[in-house]
C-alpha cells in the first residue's frame, strides 16, 4: 500500500470542518487506503472493515449508521464521490493532487455511466482527465509475464525469472542509482551471473547468493 501524507491545512478546511468528528476521522482513514488516483472500494460495508479494522475505541464494531452518515457527509461536502458501476461500488476523492506512480488504477473512474450512491452535486466533468504516471526515460516496468517471456528467449529457468522480477520489483527497477533501461539486457546479465554462481557453488559446495553488481 502506498504511503500517504496529509497536507498542512486540512484542519482549516471549511468542508472538512463542516462534518462531525467521526466523519472527519473517516475521511482521513479513506485517504490512507486509496490508490495513486484517489480511488478505492466504495461499498460502505467493506469500508467499515477496511477503515475501522479493530472497531471503535472500545473495540466494538462501528455501527453502520455512522458509516452511512459519514459517507453522506463526505458526499454533501463534495470531498468524496461514492458511485456504482457495473454493479460494484467505488469511491473517488475529489481534488486529488497526489502524483500518480502507477500507469493505471485498478478501480474505474467516475464518469457519466456511473450512478452516485449519495447526493453530492459532483459531476464527471469536475474531474480532470486521467493522468498516467510518467515513464522515466521511456522505461516500462515489466510484468511477471513479460519477464517470463524474456527469460524463455534467453533460456533462463523460470525460477530465476521469478527471482529476477521479485528482486528488481522490490528495488523499483533501479540498478544502483539508475533506472533500468533494458529488461532484456538485465536478464542476460542475470543469466551470466547465475551461471557463474552455479559453477562456483558446485565447486565450493556453498549456497548461492545473488549480487546485483557483476
N, C-alpha and C. Protein backbone atom coordinates (compact mmCIF):
# COMPACT_ATOMS: atom_id res chain seq x y z
N UNK A 1 0.85 -1.18 0.00
CA UNK A 1 0.00 0.00 0.00
C UNK A 1 0.88 1.24 0.00
N UNK A 2 0.61 2.23 -0.90
CA UNK A 2 1.45 3.41 -0.95
C UNK A 2 1.35 4.25 0.31
N UNK A 3 2.43 4.99 0.61
CA UNK A 3 2.41 5.88 1.76
C UNK A 3 1.60 7.13 1.43
N UNK A 4 0.90 7.64 2.43
CA UNK A 4 0.10 8.85 2.25
C UNK A 4 0.52 9.88 3.28
N UNK A 5 0.56 11.15 2.86
CA UNK A 5 0.93 12.24 3.75
C UNK A 5 -0.17 13.29 3.70
N UNK A 6 -0.67 13.67 4.88
CA UNK A 6 -1.70 14.71 4.95
C UNK A 6 -1.06 16.07 4.72
N UNK A 7 -1.61 16.83 3.81
CA UNK A 7 -1.09 18.17 3.55
C UNK A 7 -1.49 19.12 4.68
N UNK A 8 -0.58 20.03 5.03
CA UNK A 8 -0.92 21.03 6.04
C UNK A 8 -2.14 21.83 5.58
N UNK A 9 -3.04 22.11 6.47
CA UNK A 9 -4.19 22.93 6.11
C UNK A 9 -5.51 22.18 6.14
N UNK A 10 -5.47 20.86 6.26
CA UNK A 10 -6.73 20.11 6.25
C UNK A 10 -7.60 20.52 7.43
N UNK A 11 -6.98 20.84 8.56
CA UNK A 11 -7.77 21.23 9.74
C UNK A 11 -8.39 22.61 9.57
N UNK A 12 -7.93 23.36 8.57
CA UNK A 12 -8.51 24.68 8.31
C UNK A 12 -9.52 24.63 7.17
N UNK A 13 -9.74 23.44 6.62
CA UNK A 13 -10.69 23.29 5.51
C UNK A 13 -12.11 23.47 6.01
N UNK A 14 -12.86 24.36 5.36
CA UNK A 14 -14.24 24.60 5.76
C UNK A 14 -15.11 23.36 5.51
N UNK A 15 -14.84 22.66 4.41
CA UNK A 15 -15.62 21.47 4.10
C UNK A 15 -15.36 20.37 5.12
N UNK A 16 -14.10 20.17 5.46
CA UNK A 16 -13.74 19.13 6.42
C UNK A 16 -14.31 19.46 7.79
N UNK A 17 -14.26 20.73 8.19
CA UNK A 17 -14.76 21.14 9.50
C UNK A 17 -16.28 21.18 9.56
N UNK A 18 -16.94 21.15 8.41
CA UNK A 18 -18.40 21.13 8.39
C UNK A 18 -18.95 19.76 8.78
N UNK A 19 -18.08 18.74 8.81
CA UNK A 19 -18.51 17.38 9.16
C UNK A 19 -18.33 17.15 10.66
N UNK A 20 -18.99 16.11 11.17
CA UNK A 20 -18.81 15.77 12.59
C UNK A 20 -17.47 15.06 12.77
N UNK A 21 -17.09 14.85 14.05
CA UNK A 21 -15.78 14.28 14.36
C UNK A 21 -15.58 12.91 13.72
N UNK A 22 -16.60 12.07 13.76
CA UNK A 22 -16.45 10.74 13.18
C UNK A 22 -16.17 10.82 11.68
N UNK A 23 -16.93 11.66 10.98
CA UNK A 23 -16.76 11.77 9.53
C UNK A 23 -15.40 12.35 9.17
N UNK A 24 -14.89 13.26 10.01
CA UNK A 24 -13.55 13.78 9.77
C UNK A 24 -12.51 12.66 9.87
N UNK A 25 -12.65 11.82 10.89
CA UNK A 25 -11.74 10.69 11.05
C UNK A 25 -11.90 9.70 9.91
N UNK A 26 -13.14 9.45 9.51
CA UNK A 26 -13.44 8.52 8.42
C UNK A 26 -12.76 8.99 7.14
N UNK A 27 -12.85 10.29 6.86
CA UNK A 27 -12.25 10.86 5.65
C UNK A 27 -10.73 10.65 5.64
N UNK A 28 -10.08 10.92 6.77
CA UNK A 28 -8.63 10.75 6.85
C UNK A 28 -8.25 9.28 6.67
N UNK A 29 -9.04 8.38 7.22
CA UNK A 29 -8.77 6.95 7.04
C UNK A 29 -8.90 6.54 5.58
N UNK A 30 -9.86 7.13 4.88
CA UNK A 30 -10.02 6.83 3.45
C UNK A 30 -8.79 7.28 2.67
N UNK A 31 -8.24 8.43 3.04
CA UNK A 31 -7.03 8.92 2.37
C UNK A 31 -5.91 7.88 2.44
N UNK A 32 -5.86 7.14 3.55
CA UNK A 32 -4.77 6.16 3.73
C UNK A 32 -4.96 4.89 2.92
N UNK A 33 -6.16 4.66 2.38
CA UNK A 33 -6.40 3.39 1.67
C UNK A 33 -6.55 3.54 0.17
N UNK A 34 -6.74 4.76 -0.33
CA UNK A 34 -6.96 4.93 -1.76
C UNK A 34 -5.67 4.68 -2.53
N UNK A 35 -5.81 4.45 -3.84
CA UNK A 35 -4.64 4.22 -4.68
C UNK A 35 -4.08 5.56 -5.16
N UNK A 36 -3.15 5.50 -6.11
CA UNK A 36 -2.49 6.72 -6.59
C UNK A 36 -3.43 7.66 -7.33
N UNK A 37 -4.64 7.19 -7.63
CA UNK A 37 -5.61 8.01 -8.33
C UNK A 37 -6.74 8.48 -7.41
N UNK A 38 -6.58 8.21 -6.11
CA UNK A 38 -7.58 8.63 -5.15
C UNK A 38 -8.82 7.78 -5.15
N UNK A 39 -8.70 6.52 -5.59
CA UNK A 39 -9.86 5.63 -5.71
C UNK A 39 -9.73 4.42 -4.81
N UNK A 40 -10.88 3.83 -4.52
CA UNK A 40 -10.88 2.65 -3.66
C UNK A 40 -12.23 1.96 -3.77
N UNK A 41 -12.34 0.83 -3.08
CA UNK A 41 -13.65 0.21 -2.91
C UNK A 41 -14.57 1.23 -2.26
N UNK A 42 -15.86 1.21 -2.64
CA UNK A 42 -16.76 2.20 -2.09
C UNK A 42 -17.98 1.64 -1.39
N UNK A 43 -18.00 0.32 -1.23
CA UNK A 43 -19.13 -0.28 -0.52
C UNK A 43 -19.01 0.06 0.96
N UNK A 44 -20.01 0.70 1.56
CA UNK A 44 -19.93 1.08 2.97
C UNK A 44 -19.61 -0.08 3.90
N UNK A 45 -20.13 -1.26 3.59
CA UNK A 45 -19.86 -2.42 4.44
C UNK A 45 -18.39 -2.79 4.39
N UNK A 46 -17.79 -2.77 3.20
CA UNK A 46 -16.37 -3.07 3.07
C UNK A 46 -15.52 -1.97 3.71
N UNK A 47 -15.95 -0.73 3.55
CA UNK A 47 -15.18 0.38 4.11
C UNK A 47 -15.14 0.31 5.64
N UNK A 48 -16.20 -0.18 6.23
CA UNK A 48 -16.19 -0.30 7.69
C UNK A 48 -15.07 -1.24 8.14
N UNK A 49 -14.91 -2.36 7.44
CA UNK A 49 -13.87 -3.31 7.79
C UNK A 49 -12.47 -2.83 7.45
N UNK A 50 -12.34 -2.10 6.33
CA UNK A 50 -11.02 -1.63 5.89
C UNK A 50 -10.54 -0.44 6.71
N UNK A 51 -11.44 0.51 6.95
CA UNK A 51 -11.05 1.74 7.65
C UNK A 51 -11.10 1.62 9.17
N UNK A 52 -11.91 0.69 9.68
CA UNK A 52 -12.03 0.51 11.13
C UNK A 52 -11.86 -0.98 11.47
N UNK A 53 -10.68 -1.55 11.17
CA UNK A 53 -10.48 -3.00 11.36
C UNK A 53 -10.62 -3.48 12.80
N UNK A 54 -10.37 -2.59 13.77
CA UNK A 54 -10.49 -3.01 15.18
C UNK A 54 -11.69 -2.35 15.84
N UNK A 55 -12.57 -1.78 15.04
CA UNK A 55 -13.77 -1.18 15.60
C UNK A 55 -13.54 0.22 16.14
N UNK A 56 -14.36 0.62 17.12
CA UNK A 56 -14.22 1.95 17.71
C UNK A 56 -13.26 1.90 18.89
N UNK A 57 -13.26 2.95 19.72
CA UNK A 57 -12.29 3.00 20.82
C UNK A 57 -12.55 1.97 21.90
N UNK A 58 -13.70 1.30 21.83
CA UNK A 58 -13.97 0.21 22.78
C UNK A 58 -13.85 -1.14 22.10
N UNK A 59 -13.28 -1.14 20.89
CA UNK A 59 -13.07 -2.33 20.04
C UNK A 59 -14.38 -2.98 19.62
N UNK A 60 -15.48 -2.24 19.75
CA UNK A 60 -16.76 -2.74 19.25
C UNK A 60 -16.89 -2.33 17.78
N UNK A 61 -17.57 -3.14 16.96
CA UNK A 61 -17.75 -2.77 15.55
C UNK A 61 -18.43 -1.41 15.43
N UNK A 62 -17.93 -0.60 14.50
CA UNK A 62 -18.54 0.71 14.28
C UNK A 62 -19.94 0.51 13.68
N UNK A 63 -20.97 1.13 14.26
CA UNK A 63 -22.34 0.98 13.73
C UNK A 63 -22.44 1.43 12.28
N UNK A 64 -23.19 0.70 11.48
CA UNK A 64 -23.34 1.04 10.07
C UNK A 64 -23.98 2.40 9.89
N UNK A 65 -24.82 2.83 10.84
CA UNK A 65 -25.46 4.14 10.69
C UNK A 65 -24.41 5.26 10.72
N UNK A 66 -23.33 5.06 11.48
CA UNK A 66 -22.25 6.04 11.49
C UNK A 66 -21.48 6.04 10.16
N UNK A 67 -21.24 4.83 9.63
CA UNK A 67 -20.55 4.70 8.34
C UNK A 67 -21.36 5.40 7.25
N UNK A 68 -22.66 5.12 7.21
CA UNK A 68 -23.52 5.72 6.18
C UNK A 68 -23.61 7.23 6.36
N UNK A 69 -23.68 7.68 7.61
CA UNK A 69 -23.72 9.12 7.87
C UNK A 69 -22.42 9.78 7.41
N UNK A 70 -21.28 9.11 7.65
CA UNK A 70 -20.00 9.65 7.21
C UNK A 70 -19.94 9.76 5.70
N UNK A 71 -20.43 8.73 5.00
CA UNK A 71 -20.44 8.76 3.53
C UNK A 71 -21.32 9.90 3.02
N UNK A 72 -22.46 10.08 3.66
CA UNK A 72 -23.38 11.14 3.26
C UNK A 72 -22.75 12.52 3.47
N UNK A 73 -22.06 12.69 4.60
CA UNK A 73 -21.45 13.99 4.89
C UNK A 73 -20.28 14.28 3.94
N UNK A 74 -19.46 13.28 3.67
CA UNK A 74 -18.35 13.49 2.74
C UNK A 74 -18.87 13.81 1.34
N UNK A 75 -19.98 13.19 0.95
CA UNK A 75 -20.58 13.47 -0.35
C UNK A 75 -21.18 14.86 -0.38
N UNK A 76 -21.89 15.22 0.69
CA UNK A 76 -22.55 16.53 0.75
C UNK A 76 -21.52 17.66 0.69
N UNK A 77 -20.33 17.42 1.24
CA UNK A 77 -19.27 18.43 1.22
C UNK A 77 -18.41 18.33 -0.04
N UNK A 78 -18.78 17.40 -0.94
CA UNK A 78 -18.05 17.21 -2.21
C UNK A 78 -16.59 16.86 -1.97
N UNK A 79 -16.32 16.14 -0.89
CA UNK A 79 -14.96 15.67 -0.61
C UNK A 79 -14.70 14.31 -1.26
N UNK A 80 -15.74 13.51 -1.32
CA UNK A 80 -15.65 12.17 -1.90
C UNK A 80 -16.92 11.89 -2.69
N UNK A 81 -16.78 11.25 -3.84
CA UNK A 81 -17.94 10.81 -4.58
C UNK A 81 -18.00 9.29 -4.50
N UNK A 82 -19.12 8.76 -4.07
CA UNK A 82 -19.36 7.32 -3.99
C UNK A 82 -20.24 6.95 -5.17
N UNK A 83 -19.83 5.93 -5.93
CA UNK A 83 -20.59 5.61 -7.13
C UNK A 83 -20.61 4.11 -7.41
N UNK A 84 -21.57 3.72 -8.22
CA UNK A 84 -21.70 2.32 -8.63
C UNK A 84 -21.48 2.24 -10.13
N UNK A 85 -20.75 1.20 -10.53
CA UNK A 85 -20.51 0.97 -11.95
C UNK A 85 -20.48 -0.53 -12.19
N UNK A 86 -21.32 -0.97 -13.11
CA UNK A 86 -21.43 -2.39 -13.44
C UNK A 86 -21.69 -3.24 -12.20
N UNK A 87 -22.54 -2.73 -11.33
CA UNK A 87 -22.96 -3.49 -10.15
C UNK A 87 -22.00 -3.45 -8.97
N UNK A 88 -20.87 -2.77 -9.10
CA UNK A 88 -19.91 -2.69 -8.00
C UNK A 88 -19.80 -1.24 -7.51
N UNK A 89 -19.41 -1.09 -6.24
CA UNK A 89 -19.37 0.23 -5.63
C UNK A 89 -17.92 0.69 -5.41
N UNK A 90 -17.68 1.95 -5.74
CA UNK A 90 -16.34 2.53 -5.64
C UNK A 90 -16.43 3.94 -5.06
N UNK A 91 -15.28 4.52 -4.78
CA UNK A 91 -15.24 5.91 -4.35
C UNK A 91 -14.07 6.62 -5.02
N UNK A 92 -14.18 7.92 -5.11
CA UNK A 92 -13.14 8.76 -5.68
C UNK A 92 -13.03 10.01 -4.82
N UNK A 93 -11.83 10.28 -4.29
CA UNK A 93 -11.62 11.52 -3.56
C UNK A 93 -11.54 12.66 -4.57
N UNK A 94 -12.27 13.73 -4.32
CA UNK A 94 -12.24 14.87 -5.23
C UNK A 94 -11.00 15.71 -4.95
N UNK A 95 -10.62 16.47 -5.94
CA UNK A 95 -9.44 17.36 -5.81
C UNK A 95 -8.20 16.58 -5.37
N UNK A 96 -8.06 15.37 -5.88
CA UNK A 96 -6.90 14.54 -5.55
C UNK A 96 -5.68 15.10 -6.26
N UNK A 97 -4.63 15.40 -5.52
CA UNK A 97 -3.47 16.08 -6.08
C UNK A 97 -2.20 15.26 -6.06
N UNK A 98 -2.26 14.06 -5.53
CA UNK A 98 -1.02 13.27 -5.45
C UNK A 98 -0.61 12.79 -6.83
N UNK A 99 0.68 12.84 -7.09
CA UNK A 99 1.21 12.40 -8.39
C UNK A 99 1.10 10.89 -8.51
N UNK A 100 0.53 10.45 -9.61
CA UNK A 100 0.36 9.01 -9.83
C UNK A 100 1.70 8.35 -10.12
N UNK A 101 1.95 7.22 -9.45
CA UNK A 101 3.16 6.44 -9.70
C UNK A 101 2.84 5.17 -10.47
N UNK A 102 1.54 4.91 -10.67
CA UNK A 102 1.10 3.74 -11.43
C UNK A 102 0.59 4.20 -12.78
N UNK A 103 0.63 3.31 -13.74
CA UNK A 103 0.15 3.65 -15.08
C UNK A 103 -1.37 3.71 -15.14
N UNK A 104 -2.02 2.89 -14.33
CA UNK A 104 -3.48 2.81 -14.40
C UNK A 104 -4.04 2.34 -13.08
N UNK A 105 -5.19 2.89 -12.70
CA UNK A 105 -5.87 2.48 -11.48
C UNK A 105 -6.62 1.18 -11.73
N UNK A 106 -6.69 0.32 -10.71
CA UNK A 106 -7.46 -0.91 -10.85
C UNK A 106 -8.95 -0.65 -10.62
N UNK A 107 -9.26 0.59 -10.19
CA UNK A 107 -10.65 0.97 -9.97
C UNK A 107 -11.11 1.88 -11.11
N UNK A 108 -12.35 1.79 -11.53
CA UNK A 108 -12.83 2.63 -12.64
C UNK A 108 -12.93 4.09 -12.24
N UNK A 109 -12.83 4.98 -13.23
CA UNK A 109 -13.01 6.39 -12.94
C UNK A 109 -14.49 6.74 -12.92
N UNK A 110 -14.81 7.80 -12.25
CA UNK A 110 -16.20 8.27 -12.17
C UNK A 110 -16.55 8.97 -13.47
N UNK A 111 -17.53 8.44 -14.18
CA UNK A 111 -17.94 9.05 -15.45
C UNK A 111 -19.46 9.07 -15.55
N UNK A 112 -19.96 9.45 -16.72
CA UNK A 112 -21.40 9.63 -16.92
C UNK A 112 -22.18 8.33 -16.85
N UNK A 113 -21.50 7.19 -16.92
CA UNK A 113 -22.21 5.91 -16.85
C UNK A 113 -22.39 5.43 -15.42
N UNK A 114 -21.82 6.18 -14.46
CA UNK A 114 -21.87 5.78 -13.05
C UNK A 114 -23.11 6.33 -12.35
N UNK A 115 -23.55 5.61 -11.34
CA UNK A 115 -24.68 6.05 -10.52
C UNK A 115 -24.15 6.45 -9.14
N UNK A 116 -24.44 7.67 -8.72
CA UNK A 116 -23.96 8.13 -7.41
C UNK A 116 -24.77 7.46 -6.30
N UNK A 117 -24.06 7.05 -5.25
CA UNK A 117 -24.71 6.36 -4.14
C UNK A 117 -25.26 7.34 -3.11
N UNK A 118 -24.65 8.53 -3.02
CA UNK A 118 -25.10 9.56 -2.08
C UNK A 118 -25.11 10.91 -2.81
N UNK A 119 -26.10 11.75 -2.55
CA UNK A 119 -26.16 13.06 -3.22
C UNK A 119 -24.91 13.88 -2.96
N UNK A 120 -24.35 14.45 -4.02
CA UNK A 120 -23.13 15.24 -3.86
C UNK A 120 -23.08 16.48 -4.73
N UNK A 121 -23.78 16.43 -5.85
CA UNK A 121 -23.70 17.55 -6.78
C UNK A 121 -22.45 17.50 -7.64
N UNK A 122 -21.62 16.46 -7.44
CA UNK A 122 -20.39 16.31 -8.22
C UNK A 122 -20.71 15.71 -9.58
N UNK A 123 -20.12 16.26 -10.61
CA UNK A 123 -20.31 15.77 -11.97
C UNK A 123 -19.00 15.23 -12.53
N UNK A 124 -19.07 14.26 -13.45
CA UNK A 124 -17.84 13.71 -14.04
C UNK A 124 -16.91 14.76 -14.61
N UNK A 125 -17.50 15.85 -15.17
CA UNK A 125 -16.67 16.91 -15.77
C UNK A 125 -15.87 17.68 -14.72
N UNK A 126 -16.22 17.49 -13.44
CA UNK A 126 -15.48 18.18 -12.38
C UNK A 126 -14.08 17.59 -12.18
N UNK A 127 -13.87 16.39 -12.73
CA UNK A 127 -12.57 15.74 -12.57
C UNK A 127 -11.72 16.00 -13.80
N UNK A 128 -10.43 16.28 -13.62
CA UNK A 128 -9.54 16.48 -14.77
C UNK A 128 -9.32 15.14 -15.47
N UNK A 129 -8.90 15.16 -16.74
CA UNK A 129 -8.60 13.91 -17.45
C UNK A 129 -7.59 13.07 -16.69
N UNK A 130 -7.78 11.77 -16.73
CA UNK A 130 -6.88 10.87 -16.00
C UNK A 130 -5.48 10.98 -16.54
N UNK A 131 -4.54 11.15 -15.61
CA UNK A 131 -3.14 11.25 -16.00
C UNK A 131 -2.41 9.97 -15.66
N UNK A 132 -1.58 9.54 -16.55
CA UNK A 132 -0.78 8.35 -16.30
C UNK A 132 0.57 8.75 -15.72
N UNK A 133 1.13 7.83 -14.99
CA UNK A 133 2.44 8.11 -14.39
C UNK A 133 3.48 8.26 -15.49
N UNK A 134 4.33 9.25 -15.40
CA UNK A 134 5.36 9.44 -16.42
C UNK A 134 6.35 8.29 -16.40
N UNK A 135 6.83 7.91 -17.56
CA UNK A 135 7.80 6.83 -17.65
C UNK A 135 9.19 7.42 -17.69
N UNK A 136 10.02 7.00 -16.78
CA UNK A 136 11.38 7.51 -16.72
C UNK A 136 12.19 6.98 -17.89
N UNK A 137 12.63 7.94 -18.75
CA UNK A 137 13.43 7.57 -19.93
C UNK A 137 12.73 6.52 -20.79
N UNK A 138 11.41 6.56 -20.82
CA UNK A 138 10.66 5.61 -21.64
C UNK A 138 10.60 4.22 -21.06
N UNK A 139 11.03 4.04 -19.81
CA UNK A 139 11.06 2.71 -19.21
C UNK A 139 9.68 2.29 -18.75
N UNK A 140 9.36 1.04 -19.01
CA UNK A 140 8.11 0.43 -18.55
C UNK A 140 8.46 -0.77 -17.69
N UNK A 141 8.03 -0.73 -16.44
CA UNK A 141 8.32 -1.85 -15.54
C UNK A 141 7.64 -3.11 -16.07
N UNK A 142 8.40 -4.15 -16.39
CA UNK A 142 7.81 -5.35 -16.98
C UNK A 142 6.99 -6.14 -15.98
N UNK A 143 5.93 -6.75 -16.46
CA UNK A 143 5.13 -7.64 -15.63
C UNK A 143 5.85 -8.97 -15.51
N UNK A 144 5.38 -9.82 -14.61
CA UNK A 144 6.00 -11.14 -14.46
C UNK A 144 5.86 -11.94 -15.74
N UNK A 145 4.73 -11.74 -16.45
CA UNK A 145 4.53 -12.46 -17.72
C UNK A 145 5.56 -12.03 -18.76
N UNK A 146 5.84 -10.72 -18.80
CA UNK A 146 6.83 -10.22 -19.76
C UNK A 146 8.23 -10.71 -19.40
N UNK A 147 8.53 -10.78 -18.10
CA UNK A 147 9.83 -11.29 -17.67
C UNK A 147 9.98 -12.76 -18.04
N UNK A 148 8.91 -13.53 -17.84
CA UNK A 148 8.96 -14.95 -18.18
C UNK A 148 9.19 -15.15 -19.67
N UNK A 149 8.58 -14.29 -20.48
CA UNK A 149 8.76 -14.38 -21.93
C UNK A 149 10.20 -14.04 -22.32
N UNK A 150 10.74 -12.97 -21.72
CA UNK A 150 12.13 -12.60 -21.99
C UNK A 150 13.09 -13.67 -21.50
N UNK A 151 12.75 -14.26 -20.35
CA UNK A 151 13.60 -15.32 -19.81
C UNK A 151 13.59 -16.55 -20.68
N UNK A 152 12.43 -16.85 -21.25
CA UNK A 152 12.33 -18.02 -22.15
C UNK A 152 13.22 -17.82 -23.37
N UNK A 153 13.21 -16.59 -23.90
CA UNK A 153 14.06 -16.30 -25.06
C UNK A 153 15.53 -16.38 -24.71
N UNK A 154 15.85 -16.04 -23.44
CA UNK A 154 17.26 -16.06 -23.01
C UNK A 154 17.66 -17.40 -22.42
N UNK A 155 16.72 -18.37 -22.43
CA UNK A 155 16.97 -19.70 -21.87
C UNK A 155 17.31 -19.62 -20.38
N UNK A 156 16.62 -18.72 -19.68
CA UNK A 156 16.80 -18.60 -18.24
C UNK A 156 15.68 -19.37 -17.55
N UNK A 157 15.99 -20.24 -16.60
CA UNK A 157 14.95 -21.03 -15.92
C UNK A 157 13.86 -20.14 -15.31
N UNK A 158 12.66 -20.69 -15.26
CA UNK A 158 11.52 -19.92 -14.75
C UNK A 158 11.75 -19.44 -13.33
N UNK A 159 12.34 -20.28 -12.49
CA UNK A 159 12.55 -19.88 -11.10
C UNK A 159 13.48 -18.67 -11.01
N UNK A 160 14.47 -18.60 -11.91
CA UNK A 160 15.37 -17.46 -11.92
C UNK A 160 14.66 -16.21 -12.46
N UNK A 161 13.75 -16.42 -13.41
CA UNK A 161 12.96 -15.29 -13.93
C UNK A 161 12.13 -14.67 -12.82
N UNK A 162 11.54 -15.54 -12.00
CA UNK A 162 10.71 -15.05 -10.91
C UNK A 162 11.56 -14.36 -9.85
N UNK A 163 12.76 -14.88 -9.61
CA UNK A 163 13.67 -14.21 -8.67
C UNK A 163 14.06 -12.84 -9.22
N UNK A 164 14.34 -12.79 -10.53
CA UNK A 164 14.71 -11.54 -11.18
C UNK A 164 13.61 -10.50 -10.99
N UNK A 165 12.37 -10.90 -11.28
CA UNK A 165 11.24 -9.97 -11.18
C UNK A 165 11.03 -9.50 -9.75
N UNK A 166 11.07 -10.42 -8.80
CA UNK A 166 10.87 -10.06 -7.39
C UNK A 166 11.98 -9.14 -6.89
N UNK A 167 13.21 -9.43 -7.31
CA UNK A 167 14.37 -8.66 -6.87
C UNK A 167 14.27 -7.20 -7.34
N UNK A 168 14.03 -7.01 -8.63
CA UNK A 168 14.00 -5.64 -9.15
C UNK A 168 12.69 -4.92 -8.85
N UNK A 169 11.62 -5.67 -8.67
CA UNK A 169 10.35 -5.05 -8.25
C UNK A 169 10.53 -4.41 -6.88
N UNK A 170 11.26 -5.11 -6.00
CA UNK A 170 11.50 -4.59 -4.65
C UNK A 170 12.40 -3.37 -4.67
N UNK A 171 13.20 -3.21 -5.73
CA UNK A 171 14.13 -2.08 -5.83
C UNK A 171 13.59 -0.96 -6.71
N UNK A 172 12.33 -1.09 -7.14
CA UNK A 172 11.77 -0.06 -8.01
C UNK A 172 12.40 -0.05 -9.38
N UNK A 173 12.95 -1.20 -9.81
CA UNK A 173 13.60 -1.37 -11.11
C UNK A 173 14.78 -0.41 -11.26
N UNK A 174 15.51 -0.27 -10.15
CA UNK A 174 16.73 0.53 -10.16
C UNK A 174 17.94 -0.40 -10.14
N UNK A 175 18.97 -0.03 -10.89
CA UNK A 175 20.24 -0.73 -10.85
C UNK A 175 21.23 0.26 -10.27
N UNK A 176 21.57 0.06 -9.02
CA UNK A 176 22.37 1.05 -8.32
C UNK A 176 21.54 2.30 -8.10
N UNK A 177 22.00 3.43 -8.67
CA UNK A 177 21.27 4.69 -8.54
C UNK A 177 20.53 5.06 -9.83
N UNK A 178 20.57 4.16 -10.81
CA UNK A 178 19.96 4.46 -12.11
C UNK A 178 18.79 3.53 -12.41
N UNK A 179 17.82 4.08 -13.13
CA UNK A 179 16.68 3.28 -13.56
C UNK A 179 17.10 2.29 -14.64
N UNK A 180 16.58 1.07 -14.54
CA UNK A 180 16.88 0.07 -15.56
C UNK A 180 16.42 0.57 -16.93
N UNK A 181 17.23 0.37 -17.94
CA UNK A 181 16.88 0.82 -19.28
C UNK A 181 16.36 -0.32 -20.16
N UNK A 182 16.94 -1.50 -19.99
CA UNK A 182 16.55 -2.61 -20.85
C UNK A 182 16.41 -3.90 -20.03
N UNK A 183 15.18 -4.34 -19.75
CA UNK A 183 14.98 -5.58 -19.01
C UNK A 183 15.63 -6.77 -19.70
N UNK A 184 15.63 -6.76 -21.04
CA UNK A 184 16.23 -7.87 -21.78
C UNK A 184 17.71 -8.00 -21.51
N UNK A 185 18.42 -6.87 -21.52
CA UNK A 185 19.85 -6.90 -21.23
C UNK A 185 20.10 -7.24 -19.77
N UNK A 186 19.23 -6.75 -18.89
CA UNK A 186 19.38 -7.04 -17.47
C UNK A 186 19.21 -8.54 -17.21
N UNK A 187 18.28 -9.17 -17.92
CA UNK A 187 18.08 -10.61 -17.78
C UNK A 187 19.29 -11.36 -18.29
N UNK A 188 19.86 -10.88 -19.39
CA UNK A 188 21.05 -11.52 -19.92
C UNK A 188 22.20 -11.45 -18.91
N UNK A 189 22.33 -10.29 -18.27
CA UNK A 189 23.36 -10.15 -17.24
C UNK A 189 23.08 -11.04 -16.04
N UNK A 190 21.81 -11.13 -15.66
CA UNK A 190 21.40 -12.00 -14.55
C UNK A 190 21.76 -13.45 -14.86
N UNK A 191 21.52 -13.88 -16.12
CA UNK A 191 21.81 -15.26 -16.52
C UNK A 191 23.30 -15.55 -16.40
N UNK A 192 24.14 -14.61 -16.86
CA UNK A 192 25.59 -14.82 -16.79
C UNK A 192 26.06 -14.96 -15.35
N UNK A 193 25.54 -14.08 -14.47
CA UNK A 193 25.95 -14.15 -13.06
C UNK A 193 25.39 -15.41 -12.40
N UNK A 194 24.20 -15.83 -12.81
CA UNK A 194 23.61 -17.06 -12.28
C UNK A 194 24.45 -18.27 -12.69
N UNK A 195 24.89 -18.29 -13.96
CA UNK A 195 25.71 -19.40 -14.44
C UNK A 195 27.04 -19.43 -13.72
N UNK A 196 27.64 -18.24 -13.53
CA UNK A 196 28.92 -18.18 -12.82
C UNK A 196 28.76 -18.63 -11.37
N UNK A 197 27.68 -18.21 -10.74
CA UNK A 197 27.43 -18.60 -9.35
C UNK A 197 27.17 -20.09 -9.24
N UNK A 198 26.50 -20.65 -10.26
CA UNK A 198 26.21 -22.09 -10.25
C UNK A 198 27.50 -22.89 -10.31
N UNK A 199 28.43 -22.44 -11.14
CA UNK A 199 29.72 -23.13 -11.27
C UNK A 199 30.48 -23.05 -9.95
N UNK A 200 30.52 -21.85 -9.35
CA UNK A 200 31.23 -21.67 -8.09
C UNK A 200 30.58 -22.48 -6.98
N UNK A 201 29.25 -22.55 -7.01
CA UNK A 201 28.54 -23.29 -5.97
C UNK A 201 28.86 -24.78 -6.04
N UNK A 202 28.94 -25.30 -7.27
CA UNK A 202 29.24 -26.73 -7.43
C UNK A 202 30.67 -27.04 -7.01
N UNK A 203 31.57 -26.07 -7.28
CA UNK A 203 32.97 -26.33 -6.95
C UNK A 203 33.26 -26.13 -5.47
N UNK A 204 32.54 -25.19 -4.83
CA UNK A 204 32.80 -24.91 -3.42
C UNK A 204 31.77 -25.53 -2.48
N UNK A 205 30.60 -25.89 -3.05
CA UNK A 205 29.58 -26.53 -2.23
C UNK A 205 28.89 -25.61 -1.26
N UNK A 206 28.79 -24.30 -1.60
CA UNK A 206 28.08 -23.39 -0.69
C UNK A 206 26.80 -22.89 -1.34
N UNK A 207 25.99 -22.20 -0.57
CA UNK A 207 24.69 -21.73 -1.04
C UNK A 207 24.85 -20.54 -1.97
N UNK A 208 24.00 -20.49 -2.99
CA UNK A 208 24.03 -19.39 -3.95
C UNK A 208 23.61 -18.08 -3.30
N UNK A 209 24.32 -17.02 -3.61
CA UNK A 209 23.91 -15.69 -3.18
C UNK A 209 24.04 -14.77 -4.38
N UNK A 210 22.95 -14.01 -4.68
CA UNK A 210 22.98 -13.14 -5.86
C UNK A 210 23.54 -11.79 -5.49
N UNK A 211 24.45 -11.28 -6.33
CA UNK A 211 24.99 -9.95 -6.18
C UNK A 211 24.56 -9.14 -7.37
N UNK A 212 23.94 -7.98 -7.13
CA UNK A 212 23.44 -7.18 -8.23
C UNK A 212 24.53 -6.69 -9.14
N UNK A 213 25.70 -6.42 -8.59
CA UNK A 213 26.82 -5.90 -9.39
C UNK A 213 27.67 -7.04 -9.92
N UNK A 214 28.00 -7.01 -11.19
CA UNK A 214 28.82 -8.08 -11.79
C UNK A 214 30.22 -8.09 -11.21
